[in-house]
N, C-alpha and C. Protein backbone atom coordinates (compact mmCIF):
# COMPACT_ATOMS: atom_id res chain seq x y z
N MET A 1 98.56 97.33 126.51
CA MET A 1 98.75 98.66 126.02
C MET A 1 99.87 98.48 124.95
N LYS A 2 99.86 98.32 123.49
CA LYS A 2 101.06 98.49 122.78
C LYS A 2 100.78 99.87 121.49
N ILE A 3 102.24 100.16 121.77
CA ILE A 3 102.54 101.64 121.43
C ILE A 3 103.14 101.67 120.55
N VAL A 4 103.76 102.15 119.55
CA VAL A 4 104.29 102.27 118.19
C VAL A 4 105.02 103.70 117.67
N PHE A 5 106.23 104.21 117.99
CA PHE A 5 106.59 105.57 117.78
C PHE A 5 107.31 105.49 116.43
N VAL A 6 106.26 105.88 115.32
CA VAL A 6 106.51 105.92 113.72
C VAL A 6 105.81 107.44 112.88
N GLY A 7 107.02 107.97 112.30
CA GLY A 7 106.37 108.55 111.38
C GLY A 7 106.69 108.70 109.75
N PRO A 8 107.92 109.39 109.20
CA PRO A 8 107.91 108.68 108.09
C PRO A 8 108.80 107.64 107.64
N SER A 9 108.63 107.03 108.10
CA SER A 9 108.86 105.95 107.48
C SER A 9 107.97 104.82 107.01
N LEU A 10 106.42 105.07 107.73
CA LEU A 10 105.71 104.64 107.68
C LEU A 10 104.44 105.56 107.90
N PRO A 11 104.06 106.71 107.13
CA PRO A 11 103.55 107.66 107.83
C PRO A 11 101.88 107.16 107.21
N ASP A 12 101.56 105.97 106.80
CA ASP A 12 99.87 105.46 107.25
C ASP A 12 99.88 104.49 107.85
N ALA A 13 101.01 104.30 108.93
CA ALA A 13 100.53 103.34 109.84
C ALA A 13 99.49 103.01 110.79
N GLN A 14 98.87 104.01 111.03
CA GLN A 14 97.57 103.57 111.20
C GLN A 14 96.55 102.68 110.65
N ARG A 15 96.80 102.35 109.28
CA ARG A 15 96.53 101.66 108.73
C ARG A 15 96.56 100.01 108.94
N PHE A 16 97.51 100.03 109.32
CA PHE A 16 97.60 98.39 110.42
C PHE A 16 98.22 98.47 111.81
N ALA A 17 97.67 99.64 112.41
CA ALA A 17 97.72 99.77 113.85
C ALA A 17 96.15 99.05 114.29
N ASP A 18 96.57 97.66 114.20
CA ASP A 18 95.22 97.37 114.43
C ASP A 18 95.78 96.54 116.13
N GLY A 19 95.08 97.62 116.91
CA GLY A 19 94.77 96.97 118.63
C GLY A 19 95.85 98.29 119.05
N MET A 20 97.12 98.73 117.89
CA MET A 20 97.82 99.50 118.92
C MET A 20 97.42 100.53 118.74
N THR A 21 98.45 101.67 119.66
CA THR A 21 98.55 103.16 119.57
C THR A 21 99.58 103.79 118.94
N ILE A 22 99.60 104.32 118.10
CA ILE A 22 100.81 105.49 117.10
C ILE A 22 100.87 106.53 117.57
N ARG A 23 102.02 106.34 118.06
CA ARG A 23 102.61 107.91 118.80
C ARG A 23 103.48 108.69 117.74
N PRO A 24 103.79 109.77 117.27
CA PRO A 24 105.44 110.21 116.84
C PRO A 24 106.06 109.98 117.16
N PRO A 25 107.65 110.24 116.37
CA PRO A 25 108.82 109.51 116.60
C PRO A 25 108.84 109.63 117.64
N ALA A 26 109.95 109.22 117.96
CA ALA A 26 109.96 109.12 119.36
C ALA A 26 111.44 110.22 120.10
N LEU A 27 111.45 111.07 121.40
CA LEU A 27 112.34 111.90 121.62
C LEU A 27 112.46 111.07 122.97
N GLN A 28 113.49 111.84 123.77
CA GLN A 28 114.04 111.56 125.08
C GLN A 28 112.92 111.45 125.41
N GLY A 29 112.92 110.70 126.48
CA GLY A 29 111.76 110.56 127.67
C GLY A 29 110.71 109.26 127.01
N ASP A 30 110.23 109.78 125.73
CA ASP A 30 108.82 108.73 125.64
C ASP A 30 108.87 107.50 125.63
N ILE A 31 109.59 106.86 125.61
CA ILE A 31 109.38 105.44 125.69
C ILE A 31 109.21 105.36 127.65
N ASP A 32 110.11 105.78 128.12
CA ASP A 32 109.75 106.23 129.57
C ASP A 32 108.57 106.45 129.57
N ARG A 33 107.56 107.49 128.75
CA ARG A 33 106.41 107.87 129.66
C ARG A 33 105.32 106.47 128.71
N ALA A 34 105.83 105.60 127.83
CA ALA A 34 105.20 105.08 127.24
C ALA A 34 104.63 103.85 128.69
N ILE A 35 106.09 103.55 129.04
CA ILE A 35 106.11 102.15 130.00
C ILE A 35 105.20 102.92 131.26
N ASP A 36 105.53 103.89 131.63
CA ASP A 36 104.29 104.43 132.66
C ASP A 36 103.30 104.66 132.28
N ASP A 37 102.49 104.67 130.99
CA ASP A 37 101.41 105.18 130.84
C ASP A 37 100.86 103.22 130.51
N GLY A 38 101.64 102.38 131.34
CA GLY A 38 101.31 101.21 130.67
C GLY A 38 101.03 99.83 129.74
N ALA A 39 102.23 100.44 128.87
CA ALA A 39 102.78 99.42 127.73
C ALA A 39 103.23 98.40 128.28
N THR A 40 102.68 97.25 127.59
CA THR A 40 103.47 95.78 127.76
C THR A 40 104.21 95.49 126.69
N ALA A 41 104.00 96.20 125.69
CA ALA A 41 105.03 95.79 124.16
C ALA A 41 104.85 97.51 123.73
N ILE A 42 106.52 97.61 123.25
CA ILE A 42 106.43 98.90 122.59
C ILE A 42 107.42 98.95 121.16
N GLY A 43 107.02 99.52 119.67
CA GLY A 43 107.61 99.42 119.17
C GLY A 43 108.26 100.47 118.79
N LEU A 44 109.50 100.56 118.37
CA LEU A 44 110.40 101.88 118.19
C LEU A 44 110.68 101.56 116.67
N ILE A 45 110.27 102.45 115.73
CA ILE A 45 110.98 102.78 114.24
C ILE A 45 111.21 103.75 114.15
N ASP A 46 110.46 105.37 114.26
CA ASP A 46 111.49 106.61 114.07
C ASP A 46 111.77 107.19 115.06
N GLY A 47 112.69 107.93 115.18
CA GLY A 47 112.88 109.07 116.50
C GLY A 47 113.66 110.02 116.02
N GLY A 48 113.28 111.36 117.02
CA GLY A 48 113.88 112.51 116.50
C GLY A 48 115.10 112.19 117.09
N PHE A 49 116.18 113.25 116.80
CA PHE A 49 117.82 113.91 116.69
C PHE A 49 118.14 114.59 116.12
N GLU A 50 119.50 115.10 115.85
CA GLU A 50 119.86 116.30 115.74
C GLU A 50 119.90 117.23 116.59
N TYR A 51 118.79 117.96 116.11
CA TYR A 51 118.20 119.46 117.16
C TYR A 51 117.67 119.02 118.39
N GLN A 52 116.95 117.24 118.55
CA GLN A 52 116.40 116.80 119.28
C GLN A 52 116.56 115.94 120.35
N PRO A 53 116.99 115.90 121.31
CA PRO A 53 117.53 114.79 122.35
C PRO A 53 116.65 113.38 121.81
N PRO A 54 117.66 112.59 121.22
CA PRO A 54 117.14 110.96 120.97
C PRO A 54 116.78 110.29 122.47
N VAL A 55 116.00 108.61 122.00
CA VAL A 55 115.83 108.04 122.84
C VAL A 55 117.11 107.43 123.52
N TRP A 56 116.64 107.83 124.90
CA TRP A 56 117.91 106.80 125.90
C TRP A 56 118.10 105.45 125.83
N HIS A 57 119.42 104.73 126.04
CA HIS A 57 118.89 103.56 125.92
C HIS A 57 118.95 103.15 127.41
N LYS A 58 118.81 104.04 128.39
CA LYS A 58 118.44 103.77 130.27
C LYS A 58 116.85 103.36 129.55
N GLU A 59 116.20 103.99 129.10
CA GLU A 59 114.77 103.79 129.26
C GLU A 59 114.37 102.84 128.45
N ILE A 60 114.76 102.34 127.51
CA ILE A 60 114.78 101.00 126.56
C ILE A 60 115.11 99.96 127.90
N LEU A 61 116.75 100.00 128.32
CA LEU A 61 116.60 99.21 129.32
C LEU A 61 115.38 98.95 131.03
N ARG A 62 115.49 99.96 131.13
CA ARG A 62 114.12 99.86 132.37
C ARG A 62 112.64 99.15 131.57
N GLY A 63 112.63 99.60 130.16
CA GLY A 63 111.13 98.71 129.87
C GLY A 63 111.94 97.10 130.05
N LEU A 64 112.85 96.99 129.20
CA LEU A 64 113.35 95.50 129.45
C LEU A 64 113.05 95.13 130.69
N SER A 65 113.75 95.66 131.43
CA SER A 65 114.08 94.57 132.94
C SER A 65 112.44 94.78 133.25
N ILE A 66 111.60 95.54 133.49
CA ILE A 66 110.74 94.88 134.07
C ILE A 66 109.57 94.19 133.25
N GLY A 67 110.12 93.97 131.72
CA GLY A 67 109.03 92.64 131.49
C GLY A 67 108.46 93.39 130.23
N VAL A 68 108.40 95.04 129.36
CA VAL A 68 108.09 94.95 128.43
C VAL A 68 108.71 94.89 127.52
N ARG A 69 107.76 93.96 126.35
CA ARG A 69 108.68 94.01 125.10
C ARG A 69 109.03 95.19 123.98
N ILE A 70 110.03 94.87 123.40
CA ILE A 70 110.54 96.64 122.57
C ILE A 70 111.50 95.83 121.56
N LEU A 71 110.36 96.09 120.66
CA LEU A 71 110.92 96.01 119.76
C LEU A 71 111.35 97.18 118.65
N GLY A 72 112.70 96.51 117.68
CA GLY A 72 112.85 97.79 117.06
C GLY A 72 113.50 97.41 115.21
N ALA A 73 113.06 98.56 114.76
CA ALA A 73 113.11 98.28 113.20
C ALA A 73 113.12 99.47 112.69
N SER A 74 113.74 99.18 111.10
CA SER A 74 113.85 100.46 110.07
C SER A 74 114.70 101.66 110.52
N SER A 75 114.84 102.59 111.05
CA SER A 75 115.64 103.65 111.21
C SER A 75 116.41 103.60 112.88
N MET A 76 115.79 104.61 113.42
CA MET A 76 116.01 104.94 115.20
C MET A 76 115.86 103.33 115.80
N GLY A 77 114.69 102.41 115.38
CA GLY A 77 114.49 101.46 116.19
C GLY A 77 115.15 100.63 115.74
N ALA A 78 115.90 100.71 115.03
CA ALA A 78 116.95 99.54 114.00
C ALA A 78 117.99 99.96 114.70
N LEU A 79 118.81 100.99 114.78
CA LEU A 79 119.62 101.48 115.92
C LEU A 79 119.99 100.97 117.14
N ARG A 80 118.37 101.33 117.74
CA ARG A 80 118.38 101.40 119.11
C ARG A 80 118.67 99.34 119.39
N ALA A 81 117.57 98.78 118.41
CA ALA A 81 117.91 97.75 118.70
C ALA A 81 119.32 96.58 118.85
N ALA A 82 119.91 97.48 117.38
CA ALA A 82 121.36 96.76 117.20
C ALA A 82 121.77 96.82 118.87
N GLU A 83 121.94 98.02 119.54
CA GLU A 83 122.65 98.24 120.42
C GLU A 83 122.18 98.10 121.82
N CYS A 84 121.03 97.32 122.29
CA CYS A 84 120.25 97.02 122.91
C CYS A 84 119.88 95.52 122.83
N ALA A 85 120.41 94.89 121.67
CA ALA A 85 119.81 93.43 121.35
C ALA A 85 120.34 92.54 123.08
N ASP A 86 121.34 92.75 122.85
CA ASP A 86 122.05 91.52 124.32
C ASP A 86 121.06 91.94 125.31
N PHE A 87 120.41 92.68 125.74
CA PHE A 87 119.79 92.75 126.88
C PHE A 87 117.94 92.59 126.62
N GLY A 88 118.20 92.42 125.57
CA GLY A 88 116.53 91.40 124.81
C GLY A 88 115.58 92.53 124.08
N MET A 89 116.13 93.38 124.04
CA MET A 89 115.18 94.33 122.93
C MET A 89 115.20 93.65 121.27
N ILE A 90 114.21 93.58 120.73
CA ILE A 90 114.23 92.89 119.83
C ILE A 90 114.15 93.56 118.71
N GLY A 91 115.32 93.35 117.19
CA GLY A 91 115.26 93.84 116.57
C GLY A 91 114.53 92.93 115.26
N ILE A 92 114.30 93.79 114.14
CA ILE A 92 113.16 93.08 113.23
C ILE A 92 113.88 93.70 111.88
N GLY A 93 114.01 93.00 110.74
CA GLY A 93 113.84 93.60 109.51
C GLY A 93 116.01 93.54 108.80
N ALA A 94 115.87 94.37 107.13
CA ALA A 94 117.19 93.76 107.07
C ALA A 94 118.02 94.69 107.15
N ILE A 95 117.63 96.20 108.05
CA ILE A 95 118.53 97.24 108.35
C ILE A 95 118.82 97.27 110.04
N PHE A 96 118.33 96.83 110.76
CA PHE A 96 118.64 96.27 112.17
C PHE A 96 119.55 94.59 111.88
N GLU A 97 119.55 93.45 110.99
CA GLU A 97 120.51 93.22 110.79
C GLU A 97 121.34 93.50 110.20
N ASP A 98 122.07 94.65 109.36
CA ASP A 98 122.48 95.36 109.15
C ASP A 98 123.83 95.99 109.86
N TYR A 99 123.14 96.46 110.40
CA TYR A 99 123.50 97.07 111.64
C TYR A 99 124.11 96.06 112.89
N SER A 100 123.14 95.17 113.05
CA SER A 100 124.19 94.22 114.17
C SER A 100 124.98 93.42 113.57
N SER A 101 125.29 92.97 112.60
CA SER A 101 126.72 92.33 111.76
C SER A 101 127.53 93.48 111.54
N GLY A 102 127.17 94.94 111.56
CA GLY A 102 128.33 95.42 111.18
C GLY A 102 128.46 95.49 109.76
N THR A 103 127.36 95.54 109.49
CA THR A 103 127.73 95.80 107.67
C THR A 103 127.12 97.25 107.53
N LEU A 104 127.01 97.81 108.24
CA LEU A 104 126.28 99.94 108.31
C LEU A 104 126.78 99.77 110.06
N VAL A 105 127.10 100.83 109.93
CA VAL A 105 127.72 101.96 111.37
C VAL A 105 127.39 102.51 111.26
N ASP A 106 127.78 103.81 110.41
CA ASP A 106 126.70 105.11 110.65
C ASP A 106 125.77 105.44 110.60
N ASP A 107 124.92 105.75 111.83
CA ASP A 107 123.69 106.44 111.91
C ASP A 107 122.98 106.94 110.72
N ALA A 108 123.76 107.77 109.93
CA ALA A 108 123.60 108.55 109.08
C ALA A 108 122.74 107.57 107.81
N GLU A 109 123.30 106.49 107.74
CA GLU A 109 122.32 105.68 106.52
C GLU A 109 121.03 105.69 106.62
N VAL A 110 120.28 105.66 107.74
CA VAL A 110 118.81 105.88 108.12
C VAL A 110 118.56 107.51 107.95
N ALA A 111 118.99 108.39 107.69
CA ALA A 111 118.57 109.47 108.09
C ALA A 111 117.62 110.08 106.62
N LEU A 112 117.01 111.15 106.82
CA LEU A 112 116.35 111.37 105.50
C LEU A 112 115.54 113.17 106.08
N LEU A 113 115.53 113.76 105.22
CA LEU A 113 114.70 114.78 105.44
C LEU A 113 113.44 114.93 105.27
N HIS A 114 112.30 115.44 106.24
CA HIS A 114 111.08 114.90 105.82
C HIS A 114 110.11 116.19 106.29
N GLY A 115 108.75 115.91 106.02
CA GLY A 115 108.00 117.67 106.05
C GLY A 115 107.10 116.99 107.72
N PRO A 116 106.69 117.92 108.39
CA PRO A 116 105.76 118.08 109.03
C PRO A 116 104.61 116.76 109.01
N ALA A 117 103.85 116.66 109.97
CA ALA A 117 103.18 115.36 110.54
C ALA A 117 102.07 115.80 110.03
N GLU A 118 101.64 117.25 110.03
CA GLU A 118 99.91 117.28 109.66
C GLU A 118 100.19 117.20 108.15
N LEU A 119 101.57 117.30 107.12
CA LEU A 119 101.52 116.84 106.06
C LEU A 119 101.55 114.98 105.58
N GLY A 120 101.63 114.20 106.46
CA GLY A 120 102.02 113.41 106.15
C GLY A 120 103.29 112.92 106.15
N TYR A 121 104.33 113.58 106.89
CA TYR A 121 105.84 113.36 107.10
C TYR A 121 106.52 113.18 105.34
N PRO A 122 106.30 113.79 104.61
CA PRO A 122 105.90 113.93 103.17
C PRO A 122 107.65 113.70 103.09
N ALA A 123 108.64 112.66 102.56
CA ALA A 123 110.18 112.39 102.19
C ALA A 123 110.39 113.30 101.67
N LEU A 124 111.76 114.58 101.63
CA LEU A 124 112.66 115.16 100.93
C LEU A 124 113.43 114.43 100.45
N THR A 125 114.36 113.90 100.51
CA THR A 125 115.86 113.31 100.38
C THR A 125 115.57 111.84 100.79
N VAL A 126 116.54 111.53 100.47
CA VAL A 126 116.38 109.93 100.38
C VAL A 126 117.74 109.39 101.32
N PRO A 127 117.40 108.30 102.21
CA PRO A 127 118.08 107.94 102.85
C PRO A 127 118.92 106.92 101.91
N MET A 128 120.26 106.87 102.65
CA MET A 128 121.43 105.56 102.56
C MET A 128 120.74 104.42 102.17
N VAL A 129 120.11 103.72 102.67
CA VAL A 129 119.86 102.53 103.17
C VAL A 129 118.81 101.55 101.49
N ASN A 130 117.79 103.42 101.36
CA ASN A 130 116.97 103.02 100.20
C ASN A 130 117.49 103.45 98.89
N VAL A 131 118.75 104.21 98.87
CA VAL A 131 119.39 104.64 97.77
C VAL A 131 120.47 103.29 97.15
N ARG A 132 120.82 102.55 97.91
CA ARG A 132 121.66 101.68 98.24
C ARG A 132 120.91 100.51 97.37
N ALA A 133 119.19 100.13 98.18
CA ALA A 133 119.05 98.72 97.62
C ALA A 133 117.97 99.35 96.09
N THR A 134 117.71 100.46 96.13
CA THR A 134 117.22 100.74 95.05
C THR A 134 118.60 100.86 93.30
N LEU A 135 119.26 101.38 93.29
CA LEU A 135 120.34 101.08 92.72
C LEU A 135 121.12 99.76 92.47
N GLU A 136 120.53 98.89 93.62
CA GLU A 136 121.14 97.29 93.60
C GLU A 136 119.98 96.81 92.81
N ALA A 137 118.60 97.00 92.92
CA ALA A 137 117.03 96.74 92.22
C ALA A 137 117.84 96.73 90.42
N LEU A 138 118.13 98.07 90.62
CA LEU A 138 117.86 98.70 89.22
C LEU A 138 119.26 97.83 87.64
N HIS A 139 120.09 97.93 89.03
CA HIS A 139 121.47 97.07 88.02
C HIS A 139 121.09 95.71 87.71
N LEU A 140 120.58 94.85 88.53
CA LEU A 140 120.10 93.79 88.32
C LEU A 140 118.92 93.41 87.89
N SER A 141 117.85 94.65 87.29
CA SER A 141 117.37 94.16 86.26
C SER A 141 117.35 94.75 85.09
N GLY A 142 118.79 94.83 84.79
CA GLY A 142 119.74 95.40 83.47
C GLY A 142 119.10 97.28 83.29
N GLY A 143 118.89 98.08 83.99
CA GLY A 143 118.83 98.75 84.02
C GLY A 143 120.09 99.68 83.90
N ILE A 144 120.77 99.68 84.89
CA ILE A 144 122.42 99.96 84.55
C ILE A 144 123.36 99.19 84.87
N PRO A 145 124.62 99.42 83.82
CA PRO A 145 126.04 98.80 84.23
C PRO A 145 126.18 99.01 86.03
N ALA A 146 127.05 98.46 86.30
CA ALA A 146 127.56 97.38 87.66
C ALA A 146 128.66 99.65 87.72
N GLU A 147 129.40 99.97 87.06
CA GLU A 147 130.30 101.19 86.79
C GLU A 147 128.85 102.05 87.27
N ILE A 148 127.67 102.30 86.76
CA ILE A 148 127.15 103.70 86.96
C ILE A 148 126.50 103.34 88.15
N ARG A 149 126.00 101.86 88.59
CA ARG A 149 125.41 102.05 89.95
C ARG A 149 126.71 102.23 91.12
N ASP A 150 127.80 102.41 91.42
CA ASP A 150 128.93 102.50 91.85
C ASP A 150 129.27 103.51 92.05
N ARG A 151 128.98 104.49 90.82
CA ARG A 151 128.82 106.30 90.59
C ARG A 151 128.18 106.32 91.55
N LEU A 152 126.74 106.08 90.94
CA LEU A 152 125.75 106.89 91.84
C LEU A 152 125.74 106.65 92.89
N GLU A 153 126.53 105.47 93.72
CA GLU A 153 126.04 105.21 95.20
C GLU A 153 127.09 106.02 95.80
N LEU A 154 128.57 106.33 95.04
CA LEU A 154 129.81 107.39 95.62
C LEU A 154 128.85 108.94 95.89
N ALA A 155 128.19 108.79 94.94
CA ALA A 155 127.96 110.28 94.48
C ALA A 155 126.78 110.75 95.89
N ALA A 156 125.78 109.55 96.04
CA ALA A 156 124.92 109.84 97.20
C ALA A 156 125.28 109.77 98.58
N ARG A 157 126.50 109.26 98.96
CA ARG A 157 127.40 108.96 99.79
C ARG A 157 128.17 110.76 100.16
N SER A 158 128.16 110.95 99.08
CA SER A 158 128.94 112.38 99.03
C SER A 158 128.04 113.08 99.45
N LEU A 159 126.65 113.40 99.94
CA LEU A 159 126.00 114.08 99.98
C LEU A 159 125.45 114.83 101.33
N PHE A 160 125.12 115.69 101.97
CA PHE A 160 124.41 115.04 103.65
C PHE A 160 123.32 115.39 103.55
N PHE A 161 122.75 114.68 104.40
CA PHE A 161 121.57 113.70 104.15
C PHE A 161 120.56 114.78 103.58
N LYS A 162 120.85 115.62 103.96
CA LYS A 162 119.37 116.80 103.94
C LYS A 162 119.74 117.37 102.53
N ASP A 163 120.57 116.84 101.23
CA ASP A 163 120.95 117.42 100.23
C ASP A 163 120.58 116.38 99.28
N ARG A 164 120.46 115.00 100.26
CA ARG A 164 120.38 113.88 98.84
C ARG A 164 118.81 113.53 98.86
N THR A 165 118.89 113.91 97.01
CA THR A 165 117.80 113.74 96.26
C THR A 165 118.01 112.82 95.15
N TRP A 166 117.14 112.48 94.75
CA TRP A 166 117.75 111.55 93.35
C TRP A 166 118.25 112.65 92.02
N SER A 167 117.72 114.02 92.02
CA SER A 167 118.39 114.63 90.84
C SER A 167 119.82 115.28 91.44
N ARG A 168 120.23 115.70 92.58
CA ARG A 168 121.46 116.00 93.32
C ARG A 168 122.37 115.09 92.86
N VAL A 169 121.86 113.25 93.29
CA VAL A 169 122.58 112.57 92.92
C VAL A 169 123.38 112.23 91.60
N ILE A 170 122.54 112.24 90.83
CA ILE A 170 122.54 112.50 89.39
C ILE A 170 123.42 113.44 88.88
N ASP A 171 123.21 114.88 89.41
CA ASP A 171 124.31 115.87 88.63
C ASP A 171 125.47 115.74 89.40
N GLU A 172 125.70 115.13 90.83
CA GLU A 172 127.12 114.73 91.75
C GLU A 172 127.91 113.79 90.82
N CYS A 173 127.20 113.00 90.62
CA CYS A 173 127.88 112.17 89.24
C CYS A 173 128.04 112.32 87.85
N GLY A 174 127.40 113.23 87.49
CA GLY A 174 127.39 113.59 85.90
C GLY A 174 126.99 112.05 85.48
N CYS A 175 126.08 112.08 85.91
CA CYS A 175 125.01 110.84 84.83
C CYS A 175 124.33 111.37 83.92
N GLU A 176 123.87 110.64 83.15
CA GLU A 176 122.59 110.90 81.82
C GLU A 176 121.46 111.09 83.34
N THR A 177 120.60 111.95 82.22
CA THR A 177 119.09 112.50 83.34
C THR A 177 118.18 111.75 82.99
N ARG A 178 118.46 110.78 81.93
CA ARG A 178 117.22 109.32 82.16
C ARG A 178 117.16 108.60 83.22
N VAL A 179 118.55 108.73 83.65
CA VAL A 179 118.36 107.56 84.50
C VAL A 179 117.57 107.76 85.78
N LEU A 180 116.91 108.68 85.36
CA LEU A 180 116.07 109.70 87.34
C LEU A 180 114.96 108.92 87.49
N PRO A 181 114.11 108.76 85.66
CA PRO A 181 113.05 107.93 85.47
C PRO A 181 112.79 106.18 86.06
N LEU A 182 114.27 105.93 85.79
CA LEU A 182 114.53 104.58 86.26
C LEU A 182 114.77 104.43 87.55
N LEU A 183 115.40 105.60 88.88
CA LEU A 183 115.19 105.31 89.78
C LEU A 183 114.34 105.25 90.79
N ASN A 184 113.25 106.24 89.80
CA ASN A 184 111.57 106.22 90.56
C ASN A 184 110.74 105.27 90.23
N THR A 185 111.05 104.39 89.47
CA THR A 185 109.98 103.37 88.65
C THR A 185 110.99 101.50 89.65
N HIS A 186 112.05 102.24 89.89
CA HIS A 186 112.75 100.77 90.61
C HIS A 186 112.65 101.45 91.71
N PHE A 187 112.59 102.28 92.22
CA PHE A 187 112.46 102.68 94.11
C PHE A 187 112.11 101.08 95.00
N VAL A 188 113.46 100.84 96.04
CA VAL A 188 113.24 100.06 96.76
C VAL A 188 113.27 101.34 98.44
N ASP A 189 112.15 100.69 98.79
CA ASP A 189 111.49 101.27 100.08
C ASP A 189 111.76 100.45 101.19
N VAL A 190 113.38 100.33 101.59
CA VAL A 190 113.84 99.34 103.00
C VAL A 190 113.17 99.38 103.94
N LYS A 191 113.33 100.94 104.31
CA LYS A 191 112.72 101.49 106.01
C LYS A 191 111.33 101.23 105.73
N ARG A 192 110.32 101.51 104.77
CA ARG A 192 109.43 101.14 104.79
C ARG A 192 108.48 99.39 105.19
N ARG A 193 109.47 98.75 103.85
CA ARG A 193 109.28 96.97 104.09
C ARG A 193 109.15 97.08 105.74
N ASP A 194 111.12 97.59 106.01
CA ASP A 194 110.89 96.86 107.48
C ASP A 194 109.96 97.04 108.85
N ALA A 195 109.26 98.56 108.55
CA ALA A 195 108.27 99.01 109.79
C ALA A 195 107.04 98.22 109.40
N LEU A 196 106.80 97.37 108.06
CA LEU A 196 105.66 96.97 108.18
C LEU A 196 105.88 95.54 108.90
N LEU A 197 107.11 94.87 108.37
CA LEU A 197 107.47 93.81 109.76
C LEU A 197 107.25 94.07 110.72
N LEU A 198 108.24 95.53 111.51
CA LEU A 198 107.38 95.47 112.96
C LEU A 198 105.76 95.65 113.67
N MET A 199 105.27 96.32 112.56
CA MET A 199 103.99 96.37 112.61
C MET A 199 103.36 95.17 112.70
N ASP A 200 103.63 94.01 111.95
CA ASP A 200 103.30 92.69 111.57
C ASP A 200 103.78 92.03 113.30
N ALA A 201 104.82 92.31 113.49
CA ALA A 201 105.11 91.58 114.88
C ALA A 201 104.33 91.95 116.10
N MET A 202 104.25 93.32 116.07
CA MET A 202 103.39 94.05 117.50
C MET A 202 102.03 93.55 117.50
N LYS A 203 101.62 92.98 116.42
CA LYS A 203 100.26 92.88 116.37
C LYS A 203 100.01 91.36 116.78
N ASN A 204 101.28 90.59 116.61
CA ASN A 204 101.15 89.15 117.08
C ASN A 204 101.61 89.26 118.71
N ALA A 205 102.15 90.16 119.38
CA ALA A 205 103.20 90.21 120.70
C ALA A 205 101.98 90.00 121.44
N PRO A 206 102.24 88.99 122.44
CA PRO A 206 101.60 88.83 123.58
C PRO A 206 100.94 90.44 124.29
N ASN A 207 99.40 90.38 124.51
CA ASN A 207 99.48 91.86 125.38
C ASN A 207 99.80 91.90 126.75
N SER A 208 100.97 91.67 126.99
CA SER A 208 101.43 91.41 128.53
C SER A 208 102.62 91.63 128.89
N LEU A 209 102.75 91.90 129.59
CA LEU A 209 104.27 91.76 130.13
C LEU A 209 105.17 90.34 129.72
N ALA A 210 106.26 90.13 129.47
CA ALA A 210 106.79 89.00 129.34
C ALA A 210 107.45 88.66 130.40
N PRO A 211 107.33 87.01 130.92
CA PRO A 211 108.03 86.53 131.67
C PRO A 211 109.14 87.01 131.69
N ASP A 212 109.44 86.71 133.63
CA ASP A 212 110.71 87.02 133.85
C ASP A 212 111.98 86.66 133.49
N PHE A 213 112.74 86.31 132.88
CA PHE A 213 113.70 85.63 132.39
C PHE A 213 114.91 86.77 132.21
N HIS A 214 115.47 87.85 132.41
CA HIS A 214 115.93 88.56 132.42
C HIS A 214 117.38 87.70 133.85
N VAL A 215 118.60 87.59 133.67
CA VAL A 215 119.60 87.71 134.82
C VAL A 215 120.26 88.93 135.41
N TRP A 216 119.75 89.90 135.10
CA TRP A 216 120.53 91.29 134.92
C TRP A 216 118.78 92.20 135.54
N ARG A 217 119.36 92.92 136.49
CA ARG A 217 118.25 94.25 136.78
C ARG A 217 119.15 95.70 137.18
N LEU A 218 118.05 96.77 136.28
CA LEU A 218 118.38 98.22 136.24
C LEU A 218 118.73 98.58 137.75
N ASN A 219 119.70 99.14 137.80
CA ASN A 219 119.97 100.05 138.69
C ASN A 219 119.38 101.20 138.92
N GLN A 220 118.28 101.52 139.50
CA GLN A 220 117.94 103.27 139.25
C GLN A 220 117.16 103.71 140.76
N PRO A 221 118.54 103.87 141.65
CA PRO A 221 118.24 104.54 142.54
C PRO A 221 118.25 105.92 143.09
N PHE A 222 118.49 106.39 142.23
CA PHE A 222 118.71 107.71 141.67
C PHE A 222 117.24 108.49 141.26
N LEU A 223 116.09 107.65 141.14
CA LEU A 223 114.96 108.17 140.81
C LEU A 223 114.07 108.40 142.35
N GLU A 224 113.62 109.73 142.04
CA GLU A 224 112.31 109.91 143.25
C GLU A 224 111.13 110.68 142.26
N ASP A 225 109.88 110.14 143.38
CA ASP A 225 108.97 110.33 142.81
C ASP A 225 108.77 111.81 141.82
N GLY A 226 107.78 111.58 140.33
CA GLY A 226 107.68 112.70 139.63
C GLY A 226 108.99 113.14 138.48
N ASP A 227 110.31 112.20 138.88
CA ASP A 227 111.09 112.34 138.09
C ASP A 227 110.78 111.54 136.78
N ILE A 228 111.62 112.36 135.69
CA ILE A 228 111.39 111.28 134.60
C ILE A 228 112.45 110.36 134.35
N PHE A 229 112.75 109.34 133.97
CA PHE A 229 113.94 108.28 134.00
C PHE A 229 114.94 109.17 133.34
N ALA A 230 116.31 108.76 134.28
CA ALA A 230 117.46 109.76 133.37
C ALA A 230 118.48 108.83 133.86
């Protein structure tokens, strides 16, 4: 069984879920439950945070230790993949690469405010990874000079992720309002792009546990029957 945890990074994930089960953004214990449900491959894209307990590293390590293939990209998945790569978690995409290399260090780079699942997880703010990619694309196209690109990025960084809309960024920067339509037409959604790469990798992943190649074992003598992994 292949299970993917995804939400606002790829609201239409079901379109690409050939042979996969789509579940909402993962919270603490959800990876563990997927393992108990018989998952042989797990894709982690989105996950809860702030007011909800996020995915634990231990539940990821538990899966890896018994041969479950666990892939991460785009958002919470990219973060956890960068942190657990040494133990066998597979990171995919540009955002993972940037966290893994240390180019990105702040979790808030991928954070955004969005609507509920019932409405298709509509994005209400813009994450910094998309801000940066969009500004660079607009600059390279000749739409804005480097100075304006840098001012807009600085303005975006100064805003809390729940307040970071293009309109607020322009107001904070003091730039001309004519820039707004340019930002929309040159918008680069790095999170969606990386999420699609993960869906493709999950599609091609074997639907079986990985060979026993790990030189480590997760010690879990504290678990009792019926306990959620802790």
